[in-house]
Amino acid sequence: MSLHTTVVLLACAVIVIIGVLAGAAAGFLARLDGAAYPAVMTRAVAAFTATLTLAIMVAAQLAG
């Protein structure tokens, strides 16, 4: 495995971890706002999905 591939994989892993934290924060803030649990999960998943999309775009740019 080359150094470039390792850096790309580590960057993706960091972005996924940040995505999980962003999703948790979005869910927590939605719950503090008084949203029901289905709405909380929807907001958390939307935040995680947006961050995961960013990870895919970064990986494509770094790998290409």
PDB file of N, CA and C in Angstrom:
ATOM      1  N   MET A   1       0.853  -1.169   0.000  1.00  0.00           N
ATOM      2  CA  MET A   1       0.000   0.000   0.000  1.00  0.00           C
ATOM      3  C   MET A   1       0.901   1.234   0.000  1.00  0.00           C
ATOM      4  N   SER A   2       0.620   2.122  -0.908  1.00  0.00           N
ATOM      5  CA  SER A   2       1.463   3.305  -1.020  1.00  0.00           C
ATOM      6  C   SER A   2       1.070   4.347   0.025  1.00  0.00           C
ATOM      7  N   LEU A   3       1.931   5.310   0.189  1.00  0.00           N
ATOM      8  CA  LEU A   3       1.692   6.385   1.143  1.00  0.00           C
ATOM      9  C   LEU A   3       0.470   7.204   0.744  1.00  0.00           C
ATOM     10  N   HIS A   4       0.306   7.426  -0.553  1.00  0.00           N
ATOM     11  CA  HIS A   4      -0.835   8.205  -1.043  1.00  0.00           C
ATOM     12  C   HIS A   4      -2.155   7.522  -0.699  1.00  0.00           C
ATOM     13  N   THR A   5      -2.233   6.228  -0.883  1.00  0.00           N
ATOM     14  CA  THR A   5      -3.440   5.471  -0.564  1.00  0.00           C
ATOM     15  C   THR A   5      -3.723   5.511   0.934  1.00  0.00           C
ATOM     16  N   THR A   6      -2.692   5.411   1.725  1.00  0.00           N
ATOM     17  CA  THR A   6      -2.851   5.469   3.170  1.00  0.00           C
ATOM     18  C   THR A   6      -3.395   6.822   3.613  1.00  0.00           C
ATOM     19  N   VAL A   7      -2.887   7.881   3.031  1.00  0.00           N
ATOM     20  CA  VAL A   7      -3.354   9.223   3.377  1.00  0.00           C
ATOM     21  C   VAL A   7      -4.813   9.399   2.978  1.00  0.00           C
ATOM     22  N   VAL A   8      -5.194   8.898   1.825  1.00  0.00           N
ATOM     23  CA  VAL A   8      -6.591   8.996   1.382  1.00  0.00           C
ATOM     24  C   VAL A   8      -7.506   8.239   2.334  1.00  0.00           C
ATOM     25  N   LEU A   9      -7.123   7.038   2.731  1.00  0.00           N
ATOM     26  CA  LEU A   9      -7.942   6.246   3.651  1.00  0.00           C
ATOM     27  C   LEU A   9      -8.043   6.896   5.020  1.00  0.00           C
ATOM     28  N   LEU A  10      -6.954   7.449   5.508  1.00  0.00           N
ATOM     29  CA  LEU A  10      -6.993   8.123   6.798  1.00  0.00           C
ATOM     30  C   LEU A  10      -7.846   9.392   6.739  1.00  0.00           C
ATOM     31  N   ALA A  11      -7.770  10.113   5.639  1.00  0.00           N
ATOM     32  CA  ALA A  11      -8.603  11.309   5.480  1.00  0.00           C
ATOM     33  C   ALA A  11     -10.081  10.928   5.473  1.00  0.00           C
ATOM     34  N   CYS A  12     -10.420   9.853   4.801  1.00  0.00           N
ATOM     35  CA  CYS A  12     -11.810   9.393   4.780  1.00  0.00           C
ATOM     36  C   CYS A  12     -12.267   8.956   6.161  1.00  0.00           C
ATOM     37  N   ALA A  13     -11.399   8.285   6.890  1.00  0.00           N
ATOM     38  CA  ALA A  13     -11.753   7.848   8.239  1.00  0.00           C
ATOM     39  C   ALA A  13     -12.002   9.043   9.159  1.00  0.00           C
ATOM     40  N   VAL A  14     -11.172  10.050   9.050  1.00  0.00           N
ATOM     41  CA  VAL A  14     -11.358  11.258   9.858  1.00  0.00           C
ATOM     42  C   VAL A  14     -12.665  11.949   9.504  1.00  0.00           C
ATOM     43  N   ILE A  15     -12.977  12.021   8.226  1.00  0.00           N
ATOM     44  CA  ILE A  15     -14.212  12.672   7.811  1.00  0.00           C
ATOM     45  C   ILE A  15     -15.431  11.887   8.286  1.00  0.00           C
ATOM     46  N   VAL A  16     -15.368  10.563   8.266  1.00  0.00           N
ATOM     47  CA  VAL A  16     -16.483   9.752   8.761  1.00  0.00           C
ATOM     48  C   VAL A  16     -16.671   9.962  10.264  1.00  0.00           C
ATOM     49  N   ILE A  17     -15.592  10.038  11.006  1.00  0.00           N
ATOM     50  CA  ILE A  17     -15.689  10.289  12.442  1.00  0.00           C
ATOM     51  C   ILE A  17     -16.301  11.666  12.696  1.00  0.00           C
ATOM     52  N   ILE A  18     -15.878  12.656  11.933  1.00  0.00           N
ATOM     53  CA  ILE A  18     -16.467  13.987  12.059  1.00  0.00           C
ATOM     54  C   ILE A  18     -17.947  13.949  11.689  1.00  0.00           C
ATOM     55  N   GLY A  19     -18.305  13.128  10.706  1.00  0.00           N
ATOM     56  CA  GLY A  19     -19.711  12.976  10.324  1.00  0.00           C
ATOM     57  C   GLY A  19     -20.552  12.393  11.439  1.00  0.00           C
ATOM     58  N   VAL A  20     -20.011  11.401  12.130  1.00  0.00           N
ATOM     59  CA  VAL A  20     -20.732  10.807  13.256  1.00  0.00           C
ATOM     60  C   VAL A  20     -20.927  11.853  14.351  1.00  0.00           C
ATOM     61  N   LEU A  21     -19.893  12.628  14.619  1.00  0.00           N
ATOM     62  CA  LEU A  21     -20.013  13.671  15.633  1.00  0.00           C
ATOM     63  C   LEU A  21     -20.995  14.754  15.209  1.00  0.00           C
ATOM     64  N   ALA A  22     -20.995  15.115  13.934  1.00  0.00           N
ATOM     65  CA  ALA A  22     -21.942  16.120  13.442  1.00  0.00           C
ATOM     66  C   ALA A  22     -23.373  15.608  13.530  1.00  0.00           C
ATOM     67  N   GLY A  23     -23.586  14.338  13.212  1.00  0.00           N
ATOM     68  CA  GLY A  23     -24.905  13.743  13.331  1.00  0.00           C
ATOM     69  C   GLY A  23     -25.386  13.708  14.770  1.00  0.00           C
ATOM     70  N   ALA A  24     -24.490  13.341  15.666  1.00  0.00           N
ATOM     71  CA  ALA A  24     -24.853  13.316  17.083  1.00  0.00           C
ATOM     72  C   ALA A  24     -25.190  14.715  17.586  1.00  0.00           C
ATOM     73  N   ALA A  25     -24.410  15.690  17.180  1.00  0.00           N
ATOM     74  CA  ALA A  25     -24.676  17.067  17.591  1.00  0.00           C
ATOM     75  C   ALA A  25     -25.997  17.572  17.019  1.00  0.00           C
ATOM     76  N   ALA A  26     -26.274  17.248  15.768  1.00  0.00           N
ATOM     77  CA  ALA A  26     -27.536  17.670  15.161  1.00  0.00           C
ATOM     78  C   ALA A  26     -28.719  17.023  15.865  1.00  0.00           C
ATOM     79  N   GLY A  27     -28.598  15.759  16.192  1.00  0.00           N
ATOM     80  CA  GLY A  27     -29.662  15.076  16.920  1.00  0.00           C
ATOM     81  C   GLY A  27     -29.862  15.641  18.318  1.00  0.00           C
ATOM     82  N   PHE A  28     -28.769  15.929  18.989  1.00  0.00           N
ATOM     83  CA  PHE A  28     -28.846  16.502  20.329  1.00  0.00           C
ATOM     84  C   PHE A  28     -29.510  17.869  20.300  1.00  0.00           C
ATOM     85  N   LEU A  29     -29.100  18.703  19.358  1.00  0.00           N
ATOM     86  CA  LEU A  29     -29.694  20.036  19.256  1.00  0.00           C
ATOM     87  C   LEU A  29     -31.170  19.973  18.858  1.00  0.00           C
ATOM     88  N   ALA A  30     -31.524  19.030  18.005  1.00  0.00           N
ATOM     89  CA  ALA A  30     -32.928  18.876  17.626  1.00  0.00           C
ATOM     90  C   ALA A  30     -33.754  18.432  18.829  1.00  0.00           C
ATOM     91  N   ARG A  31     -33.190  17.549  19.638  1.00  0.00           N
ATOM     92  CA  ARG A  31     -33.921  17.086  20.821  1.00  0.00           C
ATOM     93  C   ARG A  31     -34.076  18.215  21.831  1.00  0.00           C
ATOM     94  N   LEU A  32     -33.047  19.048  21.983  1.00  0.00           N
ATOM     95  CA  LEU A  32     -33.162  20.199  22.874  1.00  0.00           C
ATOM     96  C   LEU A  32     -34.224  21.180  22.384  1.00  0.00           C
ATOM     97  N   ASP A  33     -34.414  21.222  21.076  1.00  0.00           N
ATOM     98  CA  ASP A  33     -35.416  22.105  20.485  1.00  0.00           C
ATOM     99  C   ASP A  33     -36.827  21.562  20.690  1.00  0.00           C
ATOM    100  N   GLY A  34     -36.950  20.330  21.157  1.00  0.00           N
ATOM    101  CA  GLY A  34     -38.249  19.750  21.451  1.00  0.00           C
ATOM    102  C   GLY A  34     -38.799  18.867  20.350  1.00  0.00           C
ATOM    103  N   ALA A  35     -37.966  18.464  19.420  1.00  0.00           N
ATOM    104  CA  ALA A  35     -38.425  17.610  18.323  1.00  0.00           C
ATOM    105  C   ALA A  35     -38.661  16.188  18.835  1.00  0.00           C
ATOM    106  N   ALA A  36     -39.565  15.491  18.169  1.00  0.00           N
ATOM    107  CA  ALA A  36     -39.831  14.097  18.510  1.00  0.00           C
ATOM    108  C   ALA A  36     -38.670  13.224  18.022  1.00  0.00           C
ATOM    109  N   TYR A  37     -38.602  12.014  18.547  1.00  0.00           N
ATOM    110  CA  TYR A  37     -37.478  11.135  18.212  1.00  0.00           C
ATOM    111  C   TYR A  37     -37.351  10.818  16.715  1.00  0.00           C
ATOM    112  N   PRO A  38     -38.442  10.604  15.978  1.00  0.00           N
ATOM    113  CA  PRO A  38     -38.267  10.384  14.534  1.00  0.00           C
ATOM    114  C   PRO A  38     -37.662  11.596  13.821  1.00  0.00           C
ATOM    115  N   ALA A  39     -38.057  12.780  14.234  1.00  0.00           N
ATOM    116  CA  ALA A  39     -37.483  13.992  13.637  1.00  0.00           C
ATOM    117  C   ALA A  39     -36.011  14.147  14.021  1.00  0.00           C
ATOM    118  N   VAL A  40     -35.683  13.772  15.252  1.00  0.00           N
ATOM    119  CA  VAL A  40     -34.289  13.827  15.705  1.00  0.00           C
ATOM    120  C   VAL A  40     -33.430  12.902  14.857  1.00  0.00           C
ATOM    121  N   MET A  41     -33.918  11.679  14.639  1.00  0.00           N
ATOM    122  CA  MET A  41     -33.156  10.724  13.842  1.00  0.00           C
ATOM    123  C   MET A  41     -33.018  11.194  12.399  1.00  0.00           C
ATOM    124  N   THR A  42     -34.075  11.794  11.866  1.00  0.00           N
ATOM    125  CA  THR A  42     -34.019  12.304  10.498  1.00  0.00           C
ATOM    126  C   THR A  42     -32.962  13.383  10.356  1.00  0.00           C
ATOM    127  N   ARG A  43     -32.920  14.297  11.308  1.00  0.00           N
ATOM    128  CA  ARG A  43     -31.926  15.380  11.255  1.00  0.00           C
ATOM    129  C   ARG A  43     -30.508  14.850  11.446  1.00  0.00           C
ATOM    130  N   ALA A  44     -30.349  13.885  12.345  1.00  0.00           N
ATOM    131  CA  ALA A  44     -29.022  13.318  12.583  1.00  0.00           C
ATOM    132  C   ALA A  44     -28.522  12.564  11.354  1.00  0.00           C
ATOM    133  N   VAL A  45     -29.404  11.788  10.742  1.00  0.00           N
ATOM    134  CA  VAL A  45     -29.017  11.035   9.545  1.00  0.00           C
ATOM    135  C   VAL A  45     -28.726  11.977   8.388  1.00  0.00           C
ATOM    136  N   ALA A  46     -29.480  13.056   8.270  1.00  0.00           N
ATOM    137  CA  ALA A  46     -29.229  14.022   7.200  1.00  0.00           C
ATOM    138  C   ALA A  46     -27.857  14.678   7.371  1.00  0.00           C
ATOM    139  N   ALA A  47     -27.498  15.018   8.596  1.00  0.00           N
ATOM    140  CA  ALA A  47     -26.182  15.612   8.843  1.00  0.00           C
ATOM    141  C   ALA A  47     -25.064  14.615   8.551  1.00  0.00           C
ATOM    142  N   PHE A  48     -25.248  13.360   8.968  1.00  0.00           N
ATOM    143  CA  PHE A  48     -24.239  12.341   8.706  1.00  0.00           C
ATOM    144  C   PHE A  48     -24.104  12.080   7.209  1.00  0.00           C
ATOM    145  N   THR A  49     -25.227  12.014   6.504  1.00  0.00           N
ATOM    146  CA  THR A  49     -25.195  11.752   5.068  1.00  0.00           C
ATOM    147  C   THR A  49     -24.501  12.874   4.310  1.00  0.00           C
ATOM    148  N   ALA A  50     -24.747  14.104   4.720  1.00  0.00           N
ATOM    149  CA  ALA A  50     -24.076  15.230   4.069  1.00  0.00           C
ATOM    150  C   ALA A  50     -22.569  15.154   4.275  1.00  0.00           C
ATOM    151  N   THR A  51     -22.153  14.771   5.475  1.00  0.00           N
ATOM    152  CA  THR A  51     -20.727  14.654   5.733  1.00  0.00           C
ATOM    153  C   THR A  51     -20.122  13.470   4.988  1.00  0.00           C
ATOM    154  N   LEU A  52     -20.867  12.384   4.879  1.00  0.00           N
ATOM    155  CA  LEU A  52     -20.384  11.230   4.124  1.00  0.00           C
ATOM    156  C   LEU A  52     -20.240  11.561   2.641  1.00  0.00           C
ATOM    157  N   THR A  53     -21.146  12.360   2.114  1.00  0.00           N
ATOM    158  CA  THR A  53     -21.039  12.817   0.734  1.00  0.00           C
ATOM    159  C   THR A  53     -19.770  13.643   0.547  1.00  0.00           C
ATOM    160  N   LEU A  54     -19.471  14.480   1.517  1.00  0.00           N
ATOM    161  CA  LEU A  54     -18.234  15.256   1.473  1.00  0.00           C
ATOM    162  C   LEU A  54     -17.019  14.331   1.469  1.00  0.00           C
ATOM    163  N   ALA A  55     -17.055  13.261   2.253  1.00  0.00           N
ATOM    164  CA  ALA A  55     -15.941  12.318   2.298  1.00  0.00           C
ATOM    165  C   ALA A  55     -15.733  11.646   0.946  1.00  0.00           C
ATOM    166  N   ILE A  56     -16.823  11.283   0.291  1.00  0.00           N
ATOM    167  CA  ILE A  56     -16.714  10.654  -1.025  1.00  0.00           C
ATOM    168  C   ILE A  56     -16.117  11.631  -2.039  1.00  0.00           C
ATOM    169  N   MET A  57     -16.542  12.877  -1.984  1.00  0.00           N
ATOM    170  CA  MET A  57     -16.011  13.871  -2.924  1.00  0.00           C
ATOM    171  C   MET A  57     -14.524  14.141  -2.671  1.00  0.00           C
ATOM    172  N   VAL A  58     -14.131  14.203  -1.410  1.00  0.00           N
ATOM    173  CA  VAL A  58     -12.714  14.419  -1.088  1.00  0.00           C
ATOM    174  C   VAL A  58     -11.881  13.223  -1.540  1.00  0.00           C
ATOM    175  N   ALA A  59     -12.369  12.019  -1.297  1.00  0.00           N
ATOM    176  CA  ALA A  59     -11.632  10.826  -1.713  1.00  0.00           C
ATOM    177  C   ALA A  59     -11.488  10.769  -3.227  1.00  0.00           C
ATOM    178  N   ALA A  60     -12.526  11.169  -3.937  1.00  0.00           N
ATOM    179  CA  ALA A  60     -12.444  11.179  -5.393  1.00  0.00           C
ATOM    180  C   ALA A  60     -11.429  12.184  -5.893  1.00  0.00           C
ATOM    181  N   GLN A  61     -11.368  13.333  -5.252  1.00  0.00           N
ATOM    182  CA  GLN A  61     -10.407  14.349  -5.659  1.00  0.00           C
ATOM    183  C   GLN A  61      -8.967  13.938  -5.328  1.00  0.00           C
ATOM    184  N   LEU A  62      -8.795  13.330  -4.163  1.00  0.00           N
ATOM    185  CA  LEU A  62      -7.442  12.919  -3.770  1.00  0.00           C
ATOM    186  C   LEU A  62      -6.961  11.712  -4.565  1.00  0.00           C
ATOM    187  N   ALA A  63      -7.853  10.827  -4.890  1.00  0.00           N
ATOM    188  CA  ALA A  63      -7.453   9.607  -5.595  1.00  0.00           C
ATOM    189  C   ALA A  63      -7.275   9.847  -7.089  1.00  0.00           C
ATOM    190  N   GLY A  64      -7.965  10.843  -7.609  1.00  0.00           N
ATOM    191  CA  GLY A  64      -7.938  11.060  -9.043  1.00  0.00           C
ATOM    192  C   GLY A  64      -6.731  11.797  -9.495  1.00  0.00           C
TER     193      GLY A  64
END
